[in-house]
Amino acid sequence: MATKKIIDVAKELLEERIVSFIEPSERKVESARKKVEEAKENLKKAEERARNEQEQWLRLKREFESKINANKTSINNFKKKLSKASDKVKGKYEQKLGELEEKNRRLLVKVGKYKDEKVEKWEAFKNVFLRDMEEIGSSLSDLSKSILK
C-alpha cells in the first residue's frame, strides 16, 4: 500500500516537472517552488498514512493471534475434558474439535501470510477473518454448553 502511494506522489512530481517546461521562465520558478512544496507535503502525508496503516495492521495482527491462541487453549481444554469422558461422548465431539482446531490453525497461517494490499482488499480480508473467528468462537461456546449438559 505504502509503496503504491509513494509511486503516485513521484508520478505527480514528474507530471508537474513536464508541465513546468512549457510555462514562461518567471512563472516556472514560482510554479516549481509551489509544486515542490505540495509534493513534499503529499509525500509526508503518504508516508504518515503508510505508517498508520502499518501500525493498525500490526495491532490487529496481534489481536488476531491472541484470539487464535485463546481458541487453541479452549480446544485443548475441551480435549482434556473429553479424555475423561465416555467413548460415546468422545465420538460425538472429537471430530468437531478436530475441525475447529484445523480452522483455527488455518487462520493462524492466513494471518502470517497476509501481505499489504489495497485498502479494499484489506477490509475484505479483515471482514472475512473476523467472521471466521466469530464462527470458531461460537462453535466453541456451543460445544462448551453441550459438553456441560
Foldseek 3Di string as FASTA:
>chain_A
DLVVQLVVLVVQLVVQVVVLVVDDPVVSVVSNVVSVVVSVVSNVVSVVVVVVVVVVLVVVLVVLVVLLVVLVVLLVVVVVVLVPDDPVVCVVPVVVSVVLNVLSVVLNVVSVPDDDDPPVVVVVVVVVSVVSSVVSVVSSVVVVVVSVD
